[in-house]
PDB file of N, CA and C in Angstrom:
ATOM      1  N   MET A   1     -13.127 -68.948   5.246  1.00  0.00           N
ATOM      2  CA  MET A   1     -12.080 -68.520   6.551  1.00  0.00           C
ATOM      3  C   MET A   1     -12.711 -68.392   7.573  1.00  0.00           C
ATOM      4  N   ASN A   2     -12.100 -68.879   8.276  1.00  0.00           N
ATOM      5  CA  ASN A   2     -12.152 -68.352  10.054  1.00  0.00           C
ATOM      6  C   ASN A   2     -11.909 -67.192  10.408  1.00  0.00           C
ATOM      7  N   PRO A   3     -12.952 -65.744  10.854  1.00  0.00           N
ATOM      8  CA  PRO A   3     -12.713 -64.672  11.341  1.00  0.00           C
ATOM      9  C   PRO A   3     -11.757 -64.650  12.709  1.00  0.00           C
ATOM     10  N   ASN A   4     -12.459 -65.657  13.558  1.00  0.00           N
ATOM     11  CA  ASN A   4     -11.908 -66.067  14.768  1.00  0.00           C
ATOM     12  C   ASN A   4     -10.277 -66.619  15.154  1.00  0.00           C
ATOM     13  N   ARG A   5     -10.436 -66.904  13.905  1.00  0.00           N
ATOM     14  CA  ARG A   5      -8.549 -67.508  13.870  1.00  0.00           C
ATOM     15  C   ARG A   5      -7.557 -66.316  13.379  1.00  0.00           C
ATOM     16  N   VAL A   6      -8.628 -65.468  12.584  1.00  0.00           N
ATOM     17  CA  VAL A   6      -7.615 -64.602  12.151  1.00  0.00           C
ATOM     18  C   VAL A   6      -7.186 -63.668  13.035  1.00  0.00           C
ATOM     19  N   PHE A   7      -8.092 -63.545  13.821  1.00  0.00           N
ATOM     20  CA  PHE A   7      -8.182 -62.576  15.078  1.00  0.00           C
ATOM     21  C   PHE A   7      -7.214 -63.098  15.982  1.00  0.00           C
ATOM     22  N   ARG A   8      -7.436 -63.794  16.447  1.00  0.00           N
ATOM     23  CA  ARG A   8      -6.339 -64.640  17.842  1.00  0.00           C
ATOM     24  C   ARG A   8      -5.474 -64.672  17.214  1.00  0.00           C
ATOM     25  N   ASP A   9      -4.769 -64.853  15.784  1.00  0.00           N
ATOM     26  CA  ASP A   9      -3.433 -64.725  15.342  1.00  0.00           C
ATOM     27  C   ASP A   9      -3.019 -63.442  15.337  1.00  0.00           C
ATOM     28  N   LEU A  10      -3.734 -62.411  14.742  1.00  0.00           N
ATOM     29  CA  LEU A  10      -3.445 -61.461  15.118  1.00  0.00           C
ATOM     30  C   LEU A  10      -3.228 -60.771  16.684  1.00  0.00           C
ATOM     31  N   GLU A  11      -3.920 -60.812  17.463  1.00  0.00           N
ATOM     32  CA  GLU A  11      -3.771 -60.544  18.595  1.00  0.00           C
ATOM     33  C   GLU A  11      -2.376 -61.219  19.058  1.00  0.00           C
ATOM     34  N   THR A  12      -2.373 -62.621  19.150  1.00  0.00           N
ATOM     35  CA  THR A  12      -1.030 -62.849  19.794  1.00  0.00           C
ATOM     36  C   THR A  12       0.169 -62.211  18.806  1.00  0.00           C
ATOM     37  N   LYS A  13       0.190 -62.326  17.639  1.00  0.00           N
ATOM     38  CA  LYS A  13       1.271 -61.451  16.966  1.00  0.00           C
ATOM     39  C   LYS A  13       1.646 -60.155  17.188  1.00  0.00           C
ATOM     40  N   ILE A  14       0.190 -59.330  17.716  1.00  0.00           N
ATOM     41  CA  ILE A  14       0.569 -57.585  18.163  1.00  0.00           C
ATOM     42  C   ILE A  14       0.736 -58.065  19.447  1.00  0.00           C
ATOM     43  N   SER A  15       0.414 -58.910  20.373  1.00  0.00           N
ATOM     44  CA  SER A  15       0.961 -58.742  21.883  1.00  0.00           C
ATOM     45  C   SER A  15       2.384 -59.166  21.842  1.00  0.00           C
ATOM     46  N   ALA A  16       2.872 -59.940  20.609  1.00  0.00           N
ATOM     47  CA  ALA A  16       3.976 -60.889  21.040  1.00  0.00           C
ATOM     48  C   ALA A  16       5.059 -59.499  20.544  1.00  0.00           C
ATOM     49  N   LEU A  17       4.933 -58.531  20.315  1.00  0.00           N
ATOM     50  CA  LEU A  17       5.496 -57.128  19.270  1.00  0.00           C
ATOM     51  C   LEU A  17       5.333 -56.184  20.188  1.00  0.00           C
ATOM     52  N   GLY A  18       4.469 -56.273  21.328  1.00  0.00           N
ATOM     53  CA  GLY A  18       4.285 -54.822  22.113  1.00  0.00           C
ATOM     54  C   GLY A  18       3.909 -54.106  21.513  1.00  0.00           C
ATOM     55  N   LEU A  19       2.717 -54.096  20.640  1.00  0.00           N
ATOM     56  CA  LEU A  19       2.359 -52.836  20.025  1.00  0.00           C
ATOM     57  C   LEU A  19       1.085 -52.721  20.435  1.00  0.00           C
ATOM     58  N   SER A  20       0.718 -51.065  20.337  1.00  0.00           N
ATOM     59  CA  SER A  20      -0.500 -50.449  21.449  1.00  0.00           C
ATOM     60  C   SER A  20      -1.902 -51.320  21.107  1.00  0.00           C
ATOM     61  N   LYS A  21      -3.015 -51.110  22.063  1.00  0.00           N
ATOM     62  CA  LYS A  21      -4.032 -51.447  21.612  1.00  0.00           C
ATOM     63  C   LYS A  21      -4.956 -50.956  20.580  1.00  0.00           C
ATOM     64  N   GLN A  22      -4.420 -49.208  20.445  1.00  0.00           N
ATOM     65  CA  GLN A  22      -5.147 -48.670  19.385  1.00  0.00           C
ATOM     66  C   GLN A  22      -4.573 -49.151  17.964  1.00  0.00           C
ATOM     67  N   THR A  23      -3.402 -49.759  18.037  1.00  0.00           N
ATOM     68  CA  THR A  23      -3.017 -50.763  16.977  1.00  0.00           C
ATOM     69  C   THR A  23      -3.594 -51.485  16.767  1.00  0.00           C
ATOM     70  N   TYR A  24      -3.562 -52.457  17.633  1.00  0.00           N
ATOM     71  CA  TYR A  24      -4.568 -53.939  17.487  1.00  0.00           C
ATOM     72  C   TYR A  24      -6.054 -53.725  17.270  1.00  0.00           C
ATOM     73  N   CYS A  25      -6.857 -52.293  17.553  1.00  0.00           N
ATOM     74  CA  CYS A  25      -8.110 -52.243  17.368  1.00  0.00           C
ATOM     75  C   CYS A  25      -8.099 -51.353  16.045  1.00  0.00           C
ATOM     76  N   SER A  26      -7.315 -50.937  14.968  1.00  0.00           N
ATOM     77  CA  SER A  26      -7.310 -50.407  14.203  1.00  0.00           C
ATOM     78  C   SER A  26      -6.661 -51.600  12.785  1.00  0.00           C
ATOM     79  N   TYR A  27      -6.122 -52.363  13.858  1.00  0.00           N
ATOM     80  CA  TYR A  27      -5.938 -53.727  12.696  1.00  0.00           C
ATOM     81  C   TYR A  27      -7.028 -54.695  12.195  1.00  0.00           C
ATOM     82  N   VAL A  28      -7.295 -54.916  13.721  1.00  0.00           N
ATOM     83  CA  VAL A  28      -8.957 -55.601  13.779  1.00  0.00           C
ATOM     84  C   VAL A  28     -10.118 -54.930  12.621  1.00  0.00           C
ATOM     85  N   SER A  29     -10.275 -53.818  12.625  1.00  0.00           N
ATOM     86  CA  SER A  29     -11.334 -53.270  12.161  1.00  0.00           C
ATOM     87  C   SER A  29     -11.067 -53.737  10.848  1.00  0.00           C
ATOM     88  N   ALA A  30      -9.650 -53.010   9.963  1.00  0.00           N
ATOM     89  CA  ALA A  30      -9.194 -53.845   8.751  1.00  0.00           C
ATOM     90  C   ALA A  30      -9.595 -55.627   8.257  1.00  0.00           C
ATOM     91  N   MET A  31      -9.073 -55.946   9.458  1.00  0.00           N
ATOM     92  CA  MET A  31      -9.408 -57.219   9.189  1.00  0.00           C
ATOM     93  C   MET A  31     -10.467 -58.232   8.972  1.00  0.00           C
ATOM     94  N   ARG A  32     -11.491 -57.126   9.968  1.00  0.00           N
ATOM     95  CA  ARG A  32     -12.440 -57.676   9.764  1.00  0.00           C
ATOM     96  C   ARG A  32     -13.271 -57.543   8.067  1.00  0.00           C
ATOM     97  N   LEU A  33     -12.671 -56.497   7.679  1.00  0.00           N
ATOM     98  CA  LEU A  33     -13.340 -56.218   6.381  1.00  0.00           C
ATOM     99  C   LEU A  33     -12.585 -57.452   5.197  1.00  0.00           C
ATOM    100  N   PHE A  34     -11.565 -57.339   5.504  1.00  0.00           N
ATOM    101  CA  PHE A  34     -10.519 -58.386   5.083  1.00  0.00           C
ATOM    102  C   PHE A  34     -11.334 -59.884   4.975  1.00  0.00           C
ATOM    103  N   CYS A  35     -11.896 -59.928   6.354  1.00  0.00           N
ATOM    104  CA  CYS A  35     -12.641 -61.400   6.324  1.00  0.00           C
ATOM    105  C   CYS A  35     -13.872 -60.958   5.349  1.00  0.00           C
ATOM    106  N   VAL A  36     -14.373 -60.297   5.708  1.00  0.00           N
ATOM    107  CA  VAL A  36     -15.981 -60.290   5.055  1.00  0.00           C
ATOM    108  C   VAL A  36     -15.504 -59.985   3.375  1.00  0.00           C
ATOM    109  N   TYR A  37     -14.466 -59.329   2.796  1.00  0.00           N
ATOM    110  CA  TYR A  37     -14.583 -59.117   1.474  1.00  0.00           C
ATOM    111  C   TYR A  37     -13.934 -61.022   1.462  1.00  0.00           C
ATOM    112  N   PHE A  38     -12.771 -61.693   1.630  1.00  0.00           N
ATOM    113  CA  PHE A  38     -12.478 -62.960   1.522  1.00  0.00           C
ATOM    114  C   PHE A  38     -13.542 -64.076   2.043  1.00  0.00           C
ATOM    115  N   GLY A  39     -14.691 -63.636   2.841  1.00  0.00           N
ATOM    116  CA  GLY A  39     -15.614 -65.207   3.265  1.00  0.00           C
ATOM    117  C   GLY A  39     -15.909 -66.267   2.596  1.00  0.00           C
ATOM    118  N   LYS A  40     -15.551 -66.645   1.294  1.00  0.00           N
ATOM    119  CA  LYS A  40     -15.424 -67.769   0.777  1.00  0.00           C
ATOM    120  C   LYS A  40     -14.348 -68.441   0.538  1.00  0.00           C
ATOM    121  N   LYS A  41     -13.292 -68.047   0.934  1.00  0.00           N
ATOM    122  CA  LYS A  41     -11.576 -68.121   0.360  1.00  0.00           C
ATOM    123  C   LYS A  41     -11.746 -69.655   1.931  1.00  0.00           C
ATOM    124  N   GLU A  42     -11.407 -70.131   1.910  1.00  0.00           N
ATOM    125  CA  GLU A  42     -11.152 -71.423   3.128  1.00  0.00           C
ATOM    126  C   GLU A  42      -9.892 -70.848   3.976  1.00  0.00           C
ATOM    127  N   HIS A  43      -8.394 -70.574   3.391  1.00  0.00           N
ATOM    128  CA  HIS A  43      -7.677 -70.265   3.997  1.00  0.00           C
ATOM    129  C   HIS A  43      -6.911 -69.003   3.751  1.00  0.00           C
ATOM    130  N   PRO A  44      -6.104 -68.158   4.545  1.00  0.00           N
ATOM    131  CA  PRO A  44      -5.607 -66.804   3.591  1.00  0.00           C
ATOM    132  C   PRO A  44      -4.646 -67.219   2.585  1.00  0.00           C
ATOM    133  N   THR A  45      -4.094 -68.443   2.244  1.00  0.00           N
ATOM    134  CA  THR A  45      -2.691 -68.573   2.246  1.00  0.00           C
ATOM    135  C   THR A  45      -3.186 -68.985   1.029  1.00  0.00           C
ATOM    136  N   HIS A  46      -4.765 -69.055   0.464  1.00  0.00           N
ATOM    137  CA  HIS A  46      -5.699 -69.397  -1.141  1.00  0.00           C
ATOM    138  C   HIS A  46      -5.569 -67.654  -1.610  1.00  0.00           C
ATOM    139  N   ILE A  47      -5.461 -67.058  -0.987  1.00  0.00           N
ATOM    140  CA  ILE A  47      -5.617 -65.237  -1.709  1.00  0.00           C
ATOM    141  C   ILE A  47      -4.181 -64.802  -2.035  1.00  0.00           C
ATOM    142  N   ASN A  48      -4.088 -64.659  -3.728  1.00  0.00           N
ATOM    143  CA  ASN A  48      -3.031 -64.272  -4.603  1.00  0.00           C
ATOM    144  C   ASN A  48      -2.994 -62.715  -4.265  1.00  0.00           C
ATOM    145  N   SER A  49      -1.461 -61.999  -4.731  1.00  0.00           N
ATOM    146  CA  SER A  49      -1.512 -61.008  -4.413  1.00  0.00           C
ATOM    147  C   SER A  49      -2.372 -59.953  -5.138  1.00  0.00           C
ATOM    148  N   LYS A  50      -2.556 -60.577  -6.459  1.00  0.00           N
ATOM    149  CA  LYS A  50      -3.514 -59.877  -7.780  1.00  0.00           C
ATOM    150  C   LYS A  50      -4.879 -59.654  -6.405  1.00  0.00           C
ATOM    151  N   GLU A  51      -5.280 -60.533  -6.034  1.00  0.00           N
ATOM    152  CA  GLU A  51      -6.790 -60.396  -4.979  1.00  0.00           C
ATOM    153  C   GLU A  51      -6.762 -59.721  -4.068  1.00  0.00           C
ATOM    154  N   ILE A  52      -5.220 -59.560  -3.313  1.00  0.00           N
ATOM    155  CA  ILE A  52      -5.585 -57.940  -2.268  1.00  0.00           C
ATOM    156  C   ILE A  52      -5.186 -57.315  -3.326  1.00  0.00           C
ATOM    157  N   GLU A  53      -4.701 -57.016  -3.935  1.00  0.00           N
ATOM    158  CA  GLU A  53      -4.624 -55.326  -4.514  1.00  0.00           C
ATOM    159  C   GLU A  53      -6.247 -55.064  -4.960  1.00  0.00           C
ATOM    160  N   GLN A  54      -7.291 -55.753  -5.820  1.00  0.00           N
ATOM    161  CA  GLN A  54      -8.527 -55.829  -5.564  1.00  0.00           C
ATOM    162  C   GLN A  54      -9.247 -55.560  -4.294  1.00  0.00           C
ATOM    163  N   PHE A  55      -8.898 -56.222  -3.344  1.00  0.00           N
ATOM    164  CA  PHE A  55      -9.680 -55.837  -1.976  1.00  0.00           C
ATOM    165  C   PHE A  55      -9.184 -53.983  -1.623  1.00  0.00           C
ATOM    166  N   ILE A  56      -7.921 -54.252  -1.730  1.00  0.00           N
ATOM    167  CA  ILE A  56      -7.539 -52.363  -1.158  1.00  0.00           C
ATOM    168  C   ILE A  56      -8.021 -51.362  -2.053  1.00  0.00           C
ATOM    169  N   VAL A  57      -8.222 -51.752  -3.417  1.00  0.00           N
ATOM    170  CA  VAL A  57      -9.353 -50.713  -4.206  1.00  0.00           C
ATOM    171  C   VAL A  57     -10.640 -50.862  -3.953  1.00  0.00           C
ATOM    172  N   TRP A  58     -10.798 -51.693  -3.458  1.00  0.00           N
ATOM    173  CA  TRP A  58     -12.489 -52.224  -3.236  1.00  0.00           C
ATOM    174  C   TRP A  58     -12.522 -51.085  -1.793  1.00  0.00           C
ATOM    175  N   VAL A  59     -11.972 -51.454  -0.564  1.00  0.00           N
ATOM    176  CA  VAL A  59     -11.899 -50.528   0.300  1.00  0.00           C
ATOM    177  C   VAL A  59     -12.245 -48.725   0.079  1.00  0.00           C
ATOM    178  N   LYS A  60     -11.017 -48.449  -0.755  1.00  0.00           N
ATOM    179  CA  LYS A  60     -10.856 -47.326  -0.830  1.00  0.00           C
ATOM    180  C   LYS A  60     -11.739 -46.992  -1.696  1.00  0.00           C
ATOM    181  N   GLU A  61     -12.551 -47.800  -2.520  1.00  0.00           N
ATOM    182  CA  GLU A  61     -13.689 -46.678  -3.444  1.00  0.00           C
ATOM    183  C   GLU A  61     -14.961 -46.863  -2.284  1.00  0.00           C
ATOM    184  N   ASN A  62     -15.376 -47.883  -1.790  1.00  0.00           N
ATOM    185  CA  ASN A  62     -16.112 -47.749  -0.966  1.00  0.00           C
ATOM    186  C   ASN A  62     -16.426 -47.261   0.305  1.00  0.00           C
ATOM    187  N   HIS A  63     -15.332 -47.221   1.152  1.00  0.00           N
ATOM    188  CA  HIS A  63     -14.717 -46.369   2.664  1.00  0.00           C
ATOM    189  C   HIS A  63     -14.165 -45.438   2.060  1.00  0.00           C
ATOM    190  N   SER A  64     -13.254 -45.475   2.788  1.00  0.00           N
ATOM    191  CA  SER A  64     -11.863 -44.035   2.650  1.00  0.00           C
ATOM    192  C   SER A  64     -10.699 -44.436   1.986  1.00  0.00           C
ATOM    193  N   VAL A  65      -9.970 -43.762   2.081  1.00  0.00           N
ATOM    194  CA  VAL A  65      -8.240 -43.528   1.424  1.00  0.00           C
ATOM    195  C   VAL A  65      -7.456 -44.027   2.671  1.00  0.00           C
ATOM    196  N   SER A  66      -7.997 -43.672   3.828  1.00  0.00           N
ATOM    197  CA  SER A  66      -6.983 -44.003   5.045  1.00  0.00           C
ATOM    198  C   SER A  66      -7.586 -44.905   5.284  1.00  0.00           C
ATOM    199  N   GLN A  67      -8.969 -45.573   4.997  1.00  0.00           N
ATOM    200  CA  GLN A  67      -8.997 -47.212   5.659  1.00  0.00           C
ATOM    201  C   GLN A  67      -8.630 -47.964   4.686  1.00  0.00           C
ATOM    202  N   ALA A  68      -7.852 -47.371   3.625  1.00  0.00           N
ATOM    203  CA  ALA A  68      -7.356 -48.370   2.666  1.00  0.00           C
ATOM    204  C   ALA A  68      -5.991 -48.615   2.940  1.00  0.00           C
ATOM    205  N   ARG A  69      -5.638 -47.478   3.573  1.00  0.00           N
ATOM    206  CA  ARG A  69      -4.505 -47.291   3.661  1.00  0.00           C
ATOM    207  C   ARG A  69      -3.939 -48.482   4.996  1.00  0.00           C
ATOM    208  N   GLN A  70      -4.798 -48.110   6.242  1.00  0.00           N
ATOM    209  CA  GLN A  70      -4.712 -49.292   7.050  1.00  0.00           C
ATOM    210  C   GLN A  70      -5.198 -50.598   6.871  1.00  0.00           C
ATOM    211  N   ALA A  71      -5.870 -50.758   5.711  1.00  0.00           N
ATOM    212  CA  ALA A  71      -5.877 -52.316   5.769  1.00  0.00           C
ATOM    213  C   ALA A  71      -4.706 -52.827   4.678  1.00  0.00           C
ATOM    214  N   TYR A  72      -4.119 -51.769   4.334  1.00  0.00           N
ATOM    215  CA  TYR A  72      -2.991 -52.258   3.749  1.00  0.00           C
ATOM    216  C   TYR A  72      -2.006 -52.898   4.561  1.00  0.00           C
ATOM    217  N   TRP A  73      -1.682 -51.737   5.538  1.00  0.00           N
ATOM    218  CA  TRP A  73      -0.779 -52.112   6.848  1.00  0.00           C
ATOM    219  C   TRP A  73      -1.093 -53.370   7.590  1.00  0.00           C
ATOM    220  N   ALA A  74      -2.277 -53.070   7.816  1.00  0.00           N
ATOM    221  CA  ALA A  74      -2.894 -54.410   8.167  1.00  0.00           C
ATOM    222  C   ALA A  74      -2.322 -55.793   8.118  1.00  0.00           C
ATOM    223  N   ILE A  75      -2.740 -55.991   6.744  1.00  0.00           N
ATOM    224  CA  ILE A  75      -2.637 -57.242   5.603  1.00  0.00           C
ATOM    225  C   ILE A  75      -1.129 -57.570   5.854  1.00  0.00           C
ATOM    226  N   ARG A  76      -0.296 -56.398   5.565  1.00  0.00           N
ATOM    227  CA  ARG A  76       0.963 -56.711   5.279  1.00  0.00           C
ATOM    228  C   ARG A  76       1.827 -57.033   6.902  1.00  0.00           C
ATOM    229  N   PHE A  77       1.005 -56.775   7.690  1.00  0.00           N
ATOM    230  CA  PHE A  77       1.788 -56.793   8.959  1.00  0.00           C
ATOM    231  C   PHE A  77       1.521 -58.944   9.302  1.00  0.00           C
ATOM    232  N   TRP A  78       0.025 -58.890   9.149  1.00  0.00           N
ATOM    233  CA  TRP A  78      -0.743 -60.439   9.011  1.00  0.00           C
ATOM    234  C   TRP A  78       0.189 -60.982   8.470  1.00  0.00           C
ATOM    235  N   PHE A  79       0.315 -60.825   7.081  1.00  0.00           N
ATOM    236  CA  PHE A  79       1.427 -62.307   6.022  1.00  0.00           C
ATOM    237  C   PHE A  79       3.086 -61.943   6.349  1.00  0.00           C
ATOM    238  N   THR A  80       3.168 -60.681   6.868  1.00  0.00           N
ATOM    239  CA  THR A  80       4.841 -61.226   7.186  1.00  0.00           C
ATOM    240  C   THR A  80       4.936 -60.990   8.545  1.00  0.00           C
ATOM    241  N   LYS A  81       4.286 -61.130   9.188  1.00  0.00           N
ATOM    242  CA  LYS A  81       4.570 -61.168  10.483  1.00  0.00           C
ATOM    243  C   LYS A  81       4.383 -62.824  11.353  1.00  0.00           C
TER     244      LYS A  81
END
């Protein structure tokens, strides 16, 4: 997975919707974890919902509940927008 592409796409989507810089920074932080966790995947479309659930649990166990919540919303935003 190409993290540069993920961040470029994320920035484009956030800018198009006029969301705040704080939201952007928050989502980038969450997506950075996402890219590290799924680094061996070729493309985000190769990730299924079960793997995303496992990722959220991993974030919750290794970081914090608030970061897991943040990751959920960032991933949801990225995949739906």
